[in-house]
Amino acid sequence: HLNKVDLEVFKSLRFFQCEFNPIENEKANELSSFIDEKDGFL
């Protein structure tokens, strides 16, 4: 989803929520670069 968006335009976007545990963590790991780019948090 996020690859389709110019995140730099949306200054207030800082938080990204998803399931995250030792069983389900792939999507969260994929979001890490976006979180780092936005100086945000999972």
ModelCIF file with pLDDT and N, C-alpha, C, O atoms, coordinates in Angstrom:
data_MODEL
#
_entry.id   MODEL 
#
_entity.id                         1 
_entity.type                       polymer 
_entity.pdbx_number_of_molecules   1 
#
_entity_poly.entity_id                      1 
_entity_poly.type                           'polypeptide(L)' 
_entity_poly.nstd_linkage                   no 
_entity_poly.nstd_monomer                   no 
_entity_poly.pdbx_seq_one_letter_code       HLNKVDLEVFKSLRFFQCEFNPIENEKANELSSFIDEKDGFL 
_entity_poly.pdbx_seq_one_letter_code_can   HLNKVDLEVFKSLRFFQCEFNPIENEKANELSSFIDEKDGFL 
_entity_poly.pdbx_strand_id                 A 
#
loop_
_entity_poly_seq.entity_id 
_entity_poly_seq.num 
_entity_poly_seq.mon_id 
_entity_poly_seq.hetero 
1 1  HIS n 
1 2  LEU n 
1 3  ASN n 
1 4  LYS n 
1 5  VAL n 
1 6  ASP n 
1 7  LEU n 
1 8  GLU n 
1 9  VAL n 
1 10 PHE n 
1 11 LYS n 
1 12 SER n 
1 13 LEU n 
1 14 ARG n 
1 15 PHE n 
1 16 PHE n 
1 17 GLN n 
1 18 CYS n 
1 19 GLU n 
1 20 PHE n 
1 21 ASN n 
1 22 PRO n 
1 23 ILE n 
1 24 GLU n 
1 25 ASN n 
1 26 GLU n 
1 27 LYS n 
1 28 ALA n 
1 29 ASN n 
1 30 GLU n 
1 31 LEU n 
1 32 SER n 
1 33 SER n 
1 34 PHE n 
1 35 ILE n 
1 36 ASP n 
1 37 GLU n 
1 38 LYS n 
1 39 ASP n 
1 40 GLY n 
1 41 PHE n 
1 42 LEU n 
#
_struct_asym.id          A 
_struct_asym.entity_id   1 
#
loop_
_ma_qa_metric.id 
_ma_qa_metric.mode 
_ma_qa_metric.name 
_ma_qa_metric.software_group_id 
_ma_qa_metric.type 
1 global pLDDT . pLDDT 
2 local  pLDDT . pLDDT 
#
_ma_qa_metric_global.metric_id      1 
_ma_qa_metric_global.metric_value   94.98 
_ma_qa_metric_global.model_id       1 
_ma_qa_metric_global.ordinal_id     1 
#
loop_
_ma_qa_metric_local.label_asym_id 
_ma_qa_metric_local.label_comp_id 
_ma_qa_metric_local.label_seq_id 
_ma_qa_metric_local.metric_id 
_ma_qa_metric_local.metric_value 
_ma_qa_metric_local.model_id 
_ma_qa_metric_local.ordinal_id 
A HIS 1  2 92.00 1 1  
A LEU 2  2 94.00 1 2  
A ASN 3  2 92.00 1 3  
A LYS 4  2 88.00 1 4  
A VAL 5  2 92.00 1 5  
A ASP 6  2 93.00 1 6  
A LEU 7  2 92.00 1 7  
A GLU 8  2 92.00 1 8  
A VAL 9  2 95.00 1 9  
A PHE 10 2 97.00 1 10 
A LYS 11 2 96.00 1 11 
A SER 12 2 98.00 1 12 
A LEU 13 2 98.00 1 13 
A ARG 14 2 98.00 1 14 
A PHE 15 2 98.00 1 15 
A PHE 16 2 98.00 1 16 
A GLN 17 2 98.00 1 17 
A CYS 18 2 96.00 1 18 
A GLU 19 2 95.00 1 19 
A PHE 20 2 96.00 1 20 
A ASN 21 2 96.00 1 21 
A PRO 22 2 94.00 1 22 
A ILE 23 2 90.00 1 23 
A GLU 24 2 90.00 1 24 
A ASN 25 2 92.00 1 25 
A GLU 26 2 91.00 1 26 
A LYS 27 2 92.00 1 27 
A ALA 28 2 95.00 1 28 
A ASN 29 2 94.00 1 29 
A GLU 30 2 94.00 1 30 
A LEU 31 2 96.00 1 31 
A SER 32 2 96.00 1 32 
A SER 33 2 96.00 1 33 
A PHE 34 2 97.00 1 34 
A ILE 35 2 97.00 1 35 
A ASP 36 2 96.00 1 36 
A GLU 37 2 96.00 1 37 
A LYS 38 2 97.00 1 38 
A ASP 39 2 98.00 1 39 
A GLY 40 2 98.00 1 40 
A PHE 41 2 98.00 1 41 
A LEU 42 2 98.00 1 42 
#
loop_
_atom_site.group_PDB 
_atom_site.id 
_atom_site.type_symbol 
_atom_site.label_atom_id 
_atom_site.label_alt_id 
_atom_site.label_comp_id 
_atom_site.label_asym_id 
_atom_site.label_entity_id 
_atom_site.label_seq_id 
_atom_site.pdbx_PDB_ins_code 
_atom_site.Cartn_x 
_atom_site.Cartn_y 
_atom_site.Cartn_z 
_atom_site.occupancy 
_atom_site.B_iso_or_equiv 
_atom_site.pdbx_formal_charge 
_atom_site.auth_seq_id 
_atom_site.auth_comp_id 
_atom_site.auth_asym_id 
_atom_site.auth_atom_id 
_atom_site.pdbx_PDB_model_num 
ATOM 1   N N  . HIS A 1 1  ? 0.838  -1.205  0.000  1.00 92.00 ? 1  HIS A N  1 
ATOM 2   C CA . HIS A 1 1  ? 0.000  0.000   0.000  1.00 92.00 ? 1  HIS A CA 1 
ATOM 3   C C  . HIS A 1 1  ? 0.873  1.255   0.000  1.00 92.00 ? 1  HIS A C  1 
ATOM 4   O O  . HIS A 1 1  ? 0.634  2.191   -0.763 1.00 92.00 ? 1  HIS A O  1 
ATOM 5   N N  . LEU A 1 2  ? 1.878  1.259   0.860  1.00 94.00 ? 2  LEU A N  1 
ATOM 6   C CA . LEU A 1 2  ? 2.674  2.467   1.058  1.00 94.00 ? 2  LEU A CA 1 
ATOM 7   C C  . LEU A 1 2  ? 3.579  2.771   -0.125 1.00 94.00 ? 2  LEU A C  1 
ATOM 8   O O  . LEU A 1 2  ? 3.935  3.927   -0.352 1.00 94.00 ? 2  LEU A O  1 
ATOM 9   N N  . ASN A 1 3  ? 3.949  1.758   -0.871 1.00 92.00 ? 3  ASN A N  1 
ATOM 10  C CA . ASN A 1 3  ? 4.789  1.984   -2.051 1.00 92.00 ? 3  ASN A CA 1 
ATOM 11  C C  . ASN A 1 3  ? 4.087  2.839   -3.105 1.00 92.00 ? 3  ASN A C  1 
ATOM 12  O O  . ASN A 1 3  ? 4.738  3.389   -3.993 1.00 92.00 ? 3  ASN A O  1 
ATOM 13  N N  . LYS A 1 4  ? 2.772  2.949   -3.010 1.00 88.00 ? 4  LYS A N  1 
ATOM 14  C CA . LYS A 1 4  ? 1.995  3.719   -3.988 1.00 88.00 ? 4  LYS A CA 1 
ATOM 15  C C  . LYS A 1 4  ? 1.835  5.186   -3.581 1.00 88.00 ? 4  LYS A C  1 
ATOM 16  O O  . LYS A 1 4  ? 1.215  5.970   -4.299 1.00 88.00 ? 4  LYS A O  1 
ATOM 17  N N  . VAL A 1 5  ? 2.400  5.552   -2.421 1.00 92.00 ? 5  VAL A N  1 
ATOM 18  C CA . VAL A 1 5  ? 2.161  6.876   -1.854 1.00 92.00 ? 5  VAL A CA 1 
ATOM 19  C C  . VAL A 1 5  ? 3.471  7.656   -1.711 1.00 92.00 ? 5  VAL A C  1 
ATOM 20  O O  . VAL A 1 5  ? 4.501  7.093   -1.340 1.00 92.00 ? 5  VAL A O  1 
ATOM 21  N N  . ASP A 1 6  ? 3.418  8.959   -2.010 1.00 93.00 ? 6  ASP A N  1 
ATOM 22  C CA . ASP A 1 6  ? 4.547  9.843   -1.743 1.00 93.00 ? 6  ASP A CA 1 
ATOM 23  C C  . ASP A 1 6  ? 4.444  10.279  -0.288 1.00 93.00 ? 6  ASP A C  1 
ATOM 24  O O  . ASP A 1 6  ? 3.791  11.275  0.020  1.00 93.00 ? 6  ASP A O  1 
ATOM 25  N N  . LEU A 1 7  ? 5.088  9.536   0.603  1.00 92.00 ? 7  LEU A N  1 
ATOM 26  C CA . LEU A 1 7  ? 4.932  9.754   2.034  1.00 92.00 ? 7  LEU A CA 1 
ATOM 27  C C  . LEU A 1 7  ? 5.464  11.111  2.483  1.00 92.00 ? 7  LEU A C  1 
ATOM 28  O O  . LEU A 1 7  ? 5.030  11.635  3.509  1.00 92.00 ? 7  LEU A O  1 
ATOM 29  N N  . GLU A 1 8  ? 6.389  11.679  1.733  1.00 92.00 ? 8  GLU A N  1 
ATOM 30  C CA . GLU A 1 8  ? 6.979  12.954  2.126  1.00 92.00 ? 8  GLU A CA 1 
ATOM 31  C C  . GLU A 1 8  ? 5.934  14.062  2.165  1.00 92.00 ? 8  GLU A C  1 
ATOM 32  O O  . GLU A 1 8  ? 6.080  15.034  2.906  1.00 92.00 ? 8  GLU A O  1 
ATOM 33  N N  . VAL A 1 9  ? 4.887  13.916  1.373  1.00 95.00 ? 9  VAL A N  1 
ATOM 34  C CA . VAL A 1 9  ? 3.838  14.938  1.303  1.00 95.00 ? 9  VAL A CA 1 
ATOM 35  C C  . VAL A 1 9  ? 3.043  15.010  2.612  1.00 95.00 ? 9  VAL A C  1 
ATOM 36  O O  . VAL A 1 9  ? 2.542  16.071  2.983  1.00 95.00 ? 9  VAL A O  1 
ATOM 37  N N  . PHE A 1 10 ? 2.934  13.885  3.297  1.00 97.00 ? 10 PHE A N  1 
ATOM 38  C CA . PHE A 1 10 ? 2.047  13.794  4.457  1.00 97.00 ? 10 PHE A CA 1 
ATOM 39  C C  . PHE A 1 10 ? 2.877  13.876  5.741  1.00 97.00 ? 10 PHE A C  1 
ATOM 40  O O  . PHE A 1 10 ? 3.323  12.863  6.281  1.00 97.00 ? 10 PHE A O  1 
ATOM 41  N N  . LYS A 1 11 ? 3.068  15.098  6.207  1.00 96.00 ? 11 LYS A N  1 
ATOM 42  C CA . LYS A 1 11 ? 3.988  15.373  7.304  1.00 96.00 ? 11 LYS A CA 1 
ATOM 43  C C  . LYS A 1 11 ? 3.535  14.780  8.636  1.00 96.00 ? 11 LYS A C  1 
ATOM 44  O O  . LYS A 1 11 ? 4.368  14.427  9.471  1.00 96.00 ? 11 LYS A O  1 
ATOM 45  N N  . SER A 1 12 ? 2.217  14.666  8.842  1.00 98.00 ? 12 SER A N  1 
ATOM 46  C CA . SER A 1 12 ? 1.736  14.208  10.147 1.00 98.00 ? 12 SER A CA 1 
ATOM 47  C C  . SER A 1 12 ? 1.782  12.692  10.304 1.00 98.00 ? 12 SER A C  1 
ATOM 48  O O  . SER A 1 12 ? 1.595  12.184  11.409 1.00 98.00 ? 12 SER A O  1 
ATOM 49  N N  . LEU A 1 13 ? 2.028  11.959  9.211  1.00 98.00 ? 13 LEU A N  1 
ATOM 50  C CA . LEU A 1 13 ? 2.016  10.496  9.268  1.00 98.00 ? 13 LEU A CA 1 
ATOM 51  C C  . LEU A 1 13 ? 3.264  9.985   9.975  1.00 98.00 ? 13 LEU A C  1 
ATOM 52  O O  . LEU A 1 13 ? 4.371  10.073  9.445  1.00 98.00 ? 13 LEU A O  1 
ATOM 53  N N  . ARG A 1 14 ? 3.069  9.442   11.199 1.00 98.00 ? 14 ARG A N  1 
ATOM 54  C CA . ARG A 1 14 ? 4.212  9.001   11.998 1.00 98.00 ? 14 ARG A CA 1 
ATOM 55  C C  . ARG A 1 14 ? 3.999  7.615   12.620 1.00 98.00 ? 14 ARG A C  1 
ATOM 56  O O  . ARG A 1 14 ? 4.944  7.026   13.145 1.00 98.00 ? 14 ARG A O  1 
ATOM 57  N N  . PHE A 1 15 ? 2.767  7.088   12.566 1.00 98.00 ? 15 PHE A N  1 
ATOM 58  C CA . PHE A 1 15 ? 2.468  5.841   13.268 1.00 98.00 ? 15 PHE A CA 1 
ATOM 59  C C  . PHE A 1 15 ? 1.913  4.792   12.310 1.00 98.00 ? 15 PHE A C  1 
ATOM 60  O O  . PHE A 1 15 ? 1.077  5.085   11.455 1.00 98.00 ? 15 PHE A O  1 
ATOM 61  N N  . PHE A 1 16 ? 2.400  3.561   12.475 1.00 98.00 ? 16 PHE A N  1 
ATOM 62  C CA . PHE A 1 16 ? 2.020  2.458   11.602 1.00 98.00 ? 16 PHE A CA 1 
ATOM 63  C C  . PHE A 1 16 ? 1.670  1.266   12.486 1.00 98.00 ? 16 PHE A C  1 
ATOM 64  O O  . PHE A 1 16 ? 2.512  0.769   13.233 1.00 98.00 ? 16 PHE A O  1 
ATOM 65  N N  . GLN A 1 17 ? 0.431  0.817   12.396 1.00 98.00 ? 17 GLN A N  1 
ATOM 66  C CA . GLN A 1 17 ? -0.044 -0.219  13.318 1.00 98.00 ? 17 GLN A CA 1 
ATOM 67  C C  . GLN A 1 17 ? -0.302 -1.527  12.583 1.00 98.00 ? 17 GLN A C  1 
ATOM 68  O O  . GLN A 1 17 ? -0.909 -1.542  11.512 1.00 98.00 ? 17 GLN A O  1 
ATOM 69  N N  . CYS A 1 18 ? 0.167  -2.623  13.170 1.00 96.00 ? 18 CYS A N  1 
ATOM 70  C CA . CYS A 1 18 ? -0.128 -3.938  12.604 1.00 96.00 ? 18 CYS A CA 1 
ATOM 71  C C  . CYS A 1 18 ? 0.159  -5.009  13.662 1.00 96.00 ? 18 CYS A C  1 
ATOM 72  O O  . CYS A 1 18 ? 0.712  -4.721  14.723 1.00 96.00 ? 18 CYS A O  1 
ATOM 73  N N  . GLU A 1 19 ? -0.220 -6.220  13.355 1.00 95.00 ? 19 GLU A N  1 
ATOM 74  C CA . GLU A 1 19 ? 0.087  -7.337  14.250 1.00 95.00 ? 19 GLU A CA 1 
ATOM 75  C C  . GLU A 1 19 ? 1.594  -7.574  14.270 1.00 95.00 ? 19 GLU A C  1 
ATOM 76  O O  . GLU A 1 19 ? 2.266  -7.496  13.241 1.00 95.00 ? 19 GLU A O  1 
ATOM 77  N N  . PHE A 1 20 ? 2.105  -7.863  15.460 1.00 96.00 ? 20 PHE A N  1 
ATOM 78  C CA . PHE A 1 20 ? 3.540  -8.097  15.581 1.00 96.00 ? 20 PHE A CA 1 
ATOM 79  C C  . PHE A 1 20 ? 3.806  -9.014  16.766 1.00 96.00 ? 20 PHE A C  1 
ATOM 80  O O  . PHE A 1 20 ? 3.576  -8.644  17.918 1.00 96.00 ? 20 PHE A O  1 
ATOM 81  N N  . ASN A 1 21 ? 4.291  -10.205 16.471 1.00 96.00 ? 21 ASN A N  1 
ATOM 82  C CA . ASN A 1 21 ? 4.643  -11.194 17.486 1.00 96.00 ? 21 ASN A CA 1 
ATOM 83  C C  . ASN A 1 21 ? 5.604  -12.191 16.826 1.00 96.00 ? 21 ASN A C  1 
ATOM 84  O O  . ASN A 1 21 ? 5.823  -12.099 15.618 1.00 96.00 ? 21 ASN A O  1 
ATOM 85  N N  . PRO A 1 22 ? 6.177  -13.128 17.563 1.00 94.00 ? 22 PRO A N  1 
ATOM 86  C CA . PRO A 1 22 ? 7.145  -14.047 16.950 1.00 94.00 ? 22 PRO A CA 1 
ATOM 87  C C  . PRO A 1 22 ? 6.572  -14.913 15.836 1.00 94.00 ? 22 PRO A C  1 
ATOM 88  O O  . PRO A 1 22 ? 7.322  -15.418 15.000 1.00 94.00 ? 22 PRO A O  1 
ATOM 89  N N  . ILE A 1 23 ? 5.242  -15.093 15.811 1.00 90.00 ? 23 ILE A N  1 
ATOM 90  C CA . ILE A 1 23 ? 4.629  -15.872 14.729 1.00 90.00 ? 23 ILE A CA 1 
ATOM 91  C C  . ILE A 1 23 ? 4.335  -14.993 13.521 1.00 90.00 ? 23 ILE A C  1 
ATOM 92  O O  . ILE A 1 23 ? 4.602  -15.378 12.383 1.00 90.00 ? 23 ILE A O  1 
ATOM 93  N N  . GLU A 1 24 ? 3.784  -13.811 13.775 1.00 90.00 ? 24 GLU A N  1 
ATOM 94  C CA . GLU A 1 24 ? 3.358  -12.900 12.704 1.00 90.00 ? 24 GLU A CA 1 
ATOM 95  C C  . GLU A 1 24 ? 4.174  -11.620 12.794 1.00 90.00 ? 24 GLU A C  1 
ATOM 96  O O  . GLU A 1 24 ? 3.880  -10.744 13.606 1.00 90.00 ? 24 GLU A O  1 
ATOM 97  N N  . ASN A 1 25 ? 5.199  -11.516 11.958 1.00 92.00 ? 25 ASN A N  1 
ATOM 98  C CA . ASN A 1 25 ? 6.046  -10.319 12.011 1.00 92.00 ? 25 ASN A CA 1 
ATOM 99  C C  . ASN A 1 25 ? 6.566  -9.848  10.665 1.00 92.00 ? 25 ASN A C  1 
ATOM 100 O O  . ASN A 1 25 ? 7.250  -8.828  10.581 1.00 92.00 ? 25 ASN A O  1 
ATOM 101 N N  . GLU A 1 26 ? 6.243  -10.582 9.619  1.00 91.00 ? 26 GLU A N  1 
ATOM 102 C CA . GLU A 1 26 ? 6.773  -10.237 8.299  1.00 91.00 ? 26 GLU A CA 1 
ATOM 103 C C  . GLU A 1 26 ? 6.334  -8.848  7.850  1.00 91.00 ? 26 GLU A C  1 
ATOM 104 O O  . GLU A 1 26 ? 7.156  -8.061  7.380  1.00 91.00 ? 26 GLU A O  1 
ATOM 105 N N  . LYS A 1 27 ? 5.030  -8.538  7.992  1.00 92.00 ? 27 LYS A N  1 
ATOM 106 C CA . LYS A 1 27 ? 4.530  -7.243  7.534  1.00 92.00 ? 27 LYS A CA 1 
ATOM 107 C C  . LYS A 1 27 ? 5.136  -6.107  8.342  1.00 92.00 ? 27 LYS A C  1 
ATOM 108 O O  . LYS A 1 27 ? 5.462  -5.052  7.798  1.00 92.00 ? 27 LYS A O  1 
ATOM 109 N N  . ALA A 1 28 ? 5.283  -6.326  9.637  1.00 95.00 ? 28 ALA A N  1 
ATOM 110 C CA . ALA A 1 28 ? 5.890  -5.299  10.479 1.00 95.00 ? 28 ALA A CA 1 
ATOM 111 C C  . ALA A 1 28 ? 7.336  -5.040  10.055 1.00 95.00 ? 28 ALA A C  1 
ATOM 112 O O  . ALA A 1 28 ? 7.769  -3.890  9.985  1.00 95.00 ? 28 ALA A O  1 
ATOM 113 N N  . ASN A 1 29 ? 8.067  -6.092  9.778  1.00 94.00 ? 29 ASN A N  1 
ATOM 114 C CA . ASN A 1 29 ? 9.458  -5.929  9.338  1.00 94.00 ? 29 ASN A CA 1 
ATOM 115 C C  . ASN A 1 29 ? 9.537  -5.182  8.015  1.00 94.00 ? 29 ASN A C  1 
ATOM 116 O O  . ASN A 1 29 ? 10.460 -4.400  7.792  1.00 94.00 ? 29 ASN A O  1 
ATOM 117 N N  . GLU A 1 30 ? 8.565  -5.425  7.136  1.00 94.00 ? 30 GLU A N  1 
ATOM 118 C CA . GLU A 1 30 ? 8.542  -4.725  5.848  1.00 94.00 ? 30 GLU A CA 1 
ATOM 119 C C  . GLU A 1 30 ? 8.247  -3.236  6.007  1.00 94.00 ? 30 GLU A C  1 
ATOM 120 O O  . GLU A 1 30 ? 8.614  -2.433  5.150  1.00 94.00 ? 30 GLU A O  1 
ATOM 121 N N  . LEU A 1 31 ? 7.585  -2.870  7.100  1.00 96.00 ? 31 LEU A N  1 
ATOM 122 C CA . LEU A 1 31 ? 7.249  -1.461  7.334  1.00 96.00 ? 31 LEU A CA 1 
ATOM 123 C C  . LEU A 1 31 ? 8.408  -0.674  7.936  1.00 96.00 ? 31 LEU A C  1 
ATOM 124 O O  . LEU A 1 31 ? 8.352  0.554   8.000  1.00 96.00 ? 31 LEU A O  1 
ATOM 125 N N  . SER A 1 32 ? 9.455  -1.364  8.376  1.00 96.00 ? 32 SER A N  1 
ATOM 126 C CA . SER A 1 32 ? 10.522 -0.703  9.134  1.00 96.00 ? 32 SER A CA 1 
ATOM 127 C C  . SER A 1 32 ? 11.178 0.438   8.364  1.00 96.00 ? 32 SER A C  1 
ATOM 128 O O  . SER A 1 32 ? 11.517 1.462   8.957  1.00 96.00 ? 32 SER A O  1 
ATOM 129 N N  . SER A 1 33 ? 11.361 0.282   7.058  1.00 96.00 ? 33 SER A N  1 
ATOM 130 C CA . SER A 1 33 ? 12.016 1.346   6.283  1.00 96.00 ? 33 SER A CA 1 
ATOM 131 C C  . SER A 1 33 ? 11.122 2.584   6.195  1.00 96.00 ? 33 SER A C  1 
ATOM 132 O O  . SER A 1 33 ? 11.615 3.711   6.228  1.00 96.00 ? 33 SER A O  1 
ATOM 133 N N  . PHE A 1 34 ? 9.808  2.373   6.084  1.00 97.00 ? 34 PHE A N  1 
ATOM 134 C CA . PHE A 1 34 ? 8.878  3.504   6.047  1.00 97.00 ? 34 PHE A CA 1 
ATOM 135 C C  . PHE A 1 34 ? 8.843  4.208   7.403  1.00 97.00 ? 34 PHE A C  1 
ATOM 136 O O  . PHE A 1 34 ? 8.800  5.436   7.470  1.00 97.00 ? 34 PHE A O  1 
ATOM 137 N N  . ILE A 1 35 ? 8.863  3.428   8.473  1.00 97.00 ? 35 ILE A N  1 
ATOM 138 C CA . ILE A 1 35 ? 8.852  3.997   9.821  1.00 97.00 ? 35 ILE A CA 1 
ATOM 139 C C  . ILE A 1 35 ? 10.098 4.826   10.046 1.00 97.00 ? 35 ILE A C  1 
ATOM 140 O O  . ILE A 1 35 ? 10.032 5.917   10.612 1.00 97.00 ? 35 ILE A O  1 
ATOM 141 N N  . ASP A 1 36 ? 11.238 4.310   9.601  1.00 96.00 ? 36 ASP A N  1 
ATOM 142 C CA . ASP A 1 36 ? 12.487 5.041   9.758  1.00 96.00 ? 36 ASP A CA 1 
ATOM 143 C C  . ASP A 1 36 ? 12.468 6.332   8.937  1.00 96.00 ? 36 ASP A C  1 
ATOM 144 O O  . ASP A 1 36 ? 12.922 7.379   9.399  1.00 96.00 ? 36 ASP A O  1 
ATOM 145 N N  . GLU A 1 37 ? 11.942 6.243   7.726  1.00 96.00 ? 37 GLU A N  1 
ATOM 146 C CA . GLU A 1 37 ? 11.856 7.422   6.855  1.00 96.00 ? 37 GLU A CA 1 
ATOM 147 C C  . GLU A 1 37 ? 11.007 8.515   7.486  1.00 96.00 ? 37 GLU A C  1 
ATOM 148 O O  . GLU A 1 37 ? 11.324 9.699   7.366  1.00 96.00 ? 37 GLU A O  1 
ATOM 149 N N  . LYS A 1 38 ? 9.927  8.122   8.158  1.00 97.00 ? 38 LYS A N  1 
ATOM 150 C CA . LYS A 1 38 ? 8.997  9.097   8.733  1.00 97.00 ? 38 LYS A CA 1 
ATOM 151 C C  . LYS A 1 38 ? 9.332  9.471   10.173 1.00 97.00 ? 38 LYS A C  1 
ATOM 152 O O  . LYS A 1 38 ? 8.598  10.234  10.800 1.00 97.00 ? 38 LYS A O  1 
ATOM 153 N N  . ASP A 1 39 ? 10.438 8.940   10.704 1.00 98.00 ? 39 ASP A N  1 
ATOM 154 C CA . ASP A 1 39 ? 10.789 9.177   12.103 1.00 98.00 ? 39 ASP A CA 1 
ATOM 155 C C  . ASP A 1 39 ? 9.594  8.818   12.984 1.00 98.00 ? 39 ASP A C  1 
ATOM 156 O O  . ASP A 1 39 ? 9.177  9.579   13.856 1.00 98.00 ? 39 ASP A O  1 
ATOM 157 N N  . GLY A 1 40 ? 9.062  7.622   12.714 1.00 98.00 ? 40 GLY A N  1 
ATOM 158 C CA . GLY A 1 40 ? 7.826  7.208   13.368 1.00 98.00 ? 40 GLY A CA 1 
ATOM 159 C C  . GLY A 1 40 ? 7.983  5.953   14.192 1.00 98.00 ? 40 GLY A C  1 
ATOM 160 O O  . GLY A 1 40 ? 9.084  5.584   14.601 1.00 98.00 ? 40 GLY A O  1 
ATOM 161 N N  . PHE A 1 41 ? 6.839  5.294   14.429 1.00 98.00 ? 41 PHE A N  1 
ATOM 162 C CA . PHE A 1 41 ? 6.827  4.133   15.311 1.00 98.00 ? 41 PHE A CA 1 
ATOM 163 C C  . PHE A 1 41 ? 5.856  3.071   14.817 1.00 98.00 ? 41 PHE A C  1 
ATOM 164 O O  . PHE A 1 41 ? 4.849  3.362   14.172 1.00 98.00 ? 41 PHE A O  1 
ATOM 165 N N  . LEU A 1 42 ? 6.194  1.837   15.143 1.00 98.00 ? 42 LEU A N  1 
ATOM 166 C CA . LEU A 1 42 ? 5.288  0.721   14.930 1.00 98.00 ? 42 LEU A CA 1 
ATOM 167 C C  . LEU A 1 42 ? 4.450  0.559   16.185 1.00 98.00 ? 42 LEU A C  1 
ATOM 168 O O  . LEU A 1 42 ? 3.600  -0.329  16.250 1.00 98.00 ? 42 LEU A O  1 
#
